[in-house]
Amino acid sequence: MLRRYLSIISLLLFSLFIIFAFITPIVVNGTSEIGDIVVISLIIASFLTAFFSQKGKLRTFALIVSLIPVLFLLGLILLPIFYLLEQ
């Protein structure tokens, strides 16, 4: 029963990610380490709730929207590794 609402929850988590990642640092002049952890956990939680939601058009939209920051985060993790392997 709850799986029906997981895609909506995923989009809400993604909107919280936008607020904490882009709007709050402008107002507060940067984020702390705790803020970075919150942003990363919101990215992961948004993707996981979209992944386990009920099938449909809203799930597809939520997966596409939440996959973009996950791929960016994965790129930030893998980029230094590829740089070290190149040398």
Protein backbone atom coordinates (compact mmCIF):
# COMPACT_ATOMS: atom_id res chain seq x y z
CA MET A 1 0.00 0.00 0.00
CA LEU A 2 2.79 2.39 0.84
CA ARG A 3 4.57 1.63 -2.45
CA ARG A 4 1.94 3.73 -4.21
CA TYR A 5 3.20 6.88 -2.48
CA LEU A 6 6.95 6.22 -2.68
CA SER A 7 7.40 8.05 -5.98
CA ILE A 8 5.76 11.16 -4.52
CA ILE A 9 7.97 10.85 -1.44
CA SER A 10 10.99 10.52 -3.74
CA LEU A 11 10.11 13.75 -5.53
CA LEU A 12 9.64 15.48 -2.16
CA LEU A 13 13.07 14.26 -1.06
CA PHE A 14 14.51 15.54 -4.33
CA SER A 15 12.97 18.96 -3.72
CA LEU A 16 14.52 18.96 -0.23
CA PHE A 17 17.84 18.13 -1.90
CA ILE A 18 17.45 21.18 -4.16
CA ILE A 19 16.69 23.38 -1.16
CA PHE A 20 19.55 22.11 1.00
CA ALA A 21 22.10 21.91 -1.82
CA PHE A 22 21.47 25.16 -3.66
CA ILE A 23 19.22 27.59 -1.76
CA THR A 24 20.43 27.16 1.84
CA PRO A 25 24.19 27.66 1.07
CA ILE A 26 23.38 30.98 -0.62
CA VAL A 27 21.53 32.21 2.46
CA VAL A 28 23.96 30.81 5.04
CA ASN A 29 27.23 31.41 3.08
CA GLY A 30 28.20 27.77 2.56
CA THR A 31 27.40 24.43 4.11
CA SER A 32 29.05 22.52 6.91
CA GLU A 33 30.13 18.89 6.89
CA ILE A 34 26.78 17.95 8.41
CA GLY A 35 25.06 19.79 5.56
CA ASP A 36 27.05 17.80 3.01
CA ILE A 37 26.08 14.55 4.72
CA VAL A 38 22.42 15.60 4.67
CA VAL A 39 22.62 16.42 0.95
CA ILE A 40 24.26 13.08 0.11
CA SER A 41 21.74 11.16 2.21
CA LEU A 42 18.87 13.01 0.49
CA ILE A 43 20.28 12.02 -2.91
CA ILE A 44 20.52 8.36 -1.93
CA ALA A 45 17.13 8.30 -0.18
CA SER A 46 15.42 9.93 -3.16
CA PHE A 47 16.86 7.37 -5.55
CA LEU A 48 16.04 4.38 -3.35
CA THR A 49 12.44 5.45 -2.75
CA ALA A 50 11.97 5.99 -6.48
CA PHE A 51 13.53 2.61 -7.21
CA PHE A 52 11.20 0.72 -4.85
CA SER A 53 8.03 2.61 -5.77
CA GLN A 54 5.07 1.18 -7.65
CA LYS A 55 5.46 0.90 -11.43
CA GLY A 56 3.99 3.65 -13.54
CA LYS A 57 4.69 6.95 -15.24
CA LEU A 58 5.37 8.74 -11.97
CA ARG A 59 7.97 6.11 -10.99
CA THR A 60 9.75 6.56 -14.33
CA PHE A 61 9.79 10.33 -13.88
CA ALA A 62 11.00 10.05 -10.28
CA LEU A 63 13.76 7.62 -11.29
CA ILE A 64 14.99 9.88 -14.08
CA VAL A 65 14.96 12.95 -11.85
CA SER A 66 16.68 11.24 -8.93
CA LEU A 67 19.22 9.41 -11.10
CA ILE A 68 20.87 12.64 -12.31
CA PRO A 69 22.41 13.62 -8.93
CA VAL A 70 23.30 9.97 -8.24
CA LEU A 71 25.32 9.83 -11.46
CA PHE A 72 26.95 13.16 -10.62
CA LEU A 73 27.85 11.87 -7.13
CA LEU A 74 29.22 8.66 -8.62
CA GLY A 75 31.32 10.72 -11.03
CA LEU A 76 32.72 12.77 -8.15
CA ILE A 77 33.72 9.56 -6.39
CA LEU A 78 35.23 7.85 -9.45
CA LEU A 79 37.03 10.85 -10.97
CA PRO A 80 39.96 10.86 -8.47
CA ILE A 81 40.31 7.09 -8.81
CA PHE A 82 40.60 7.34 -12.60
CA TYR A 83 43.04 10.21 -12.22
CA LEU A 84 45.28 8.14 -9.92
CA LEU A 85 45.11 5.13 -12.25
CA GLU A 86 46.16 7.29 -15.19
CA GLN A 87 49.47 8.28 -13.57
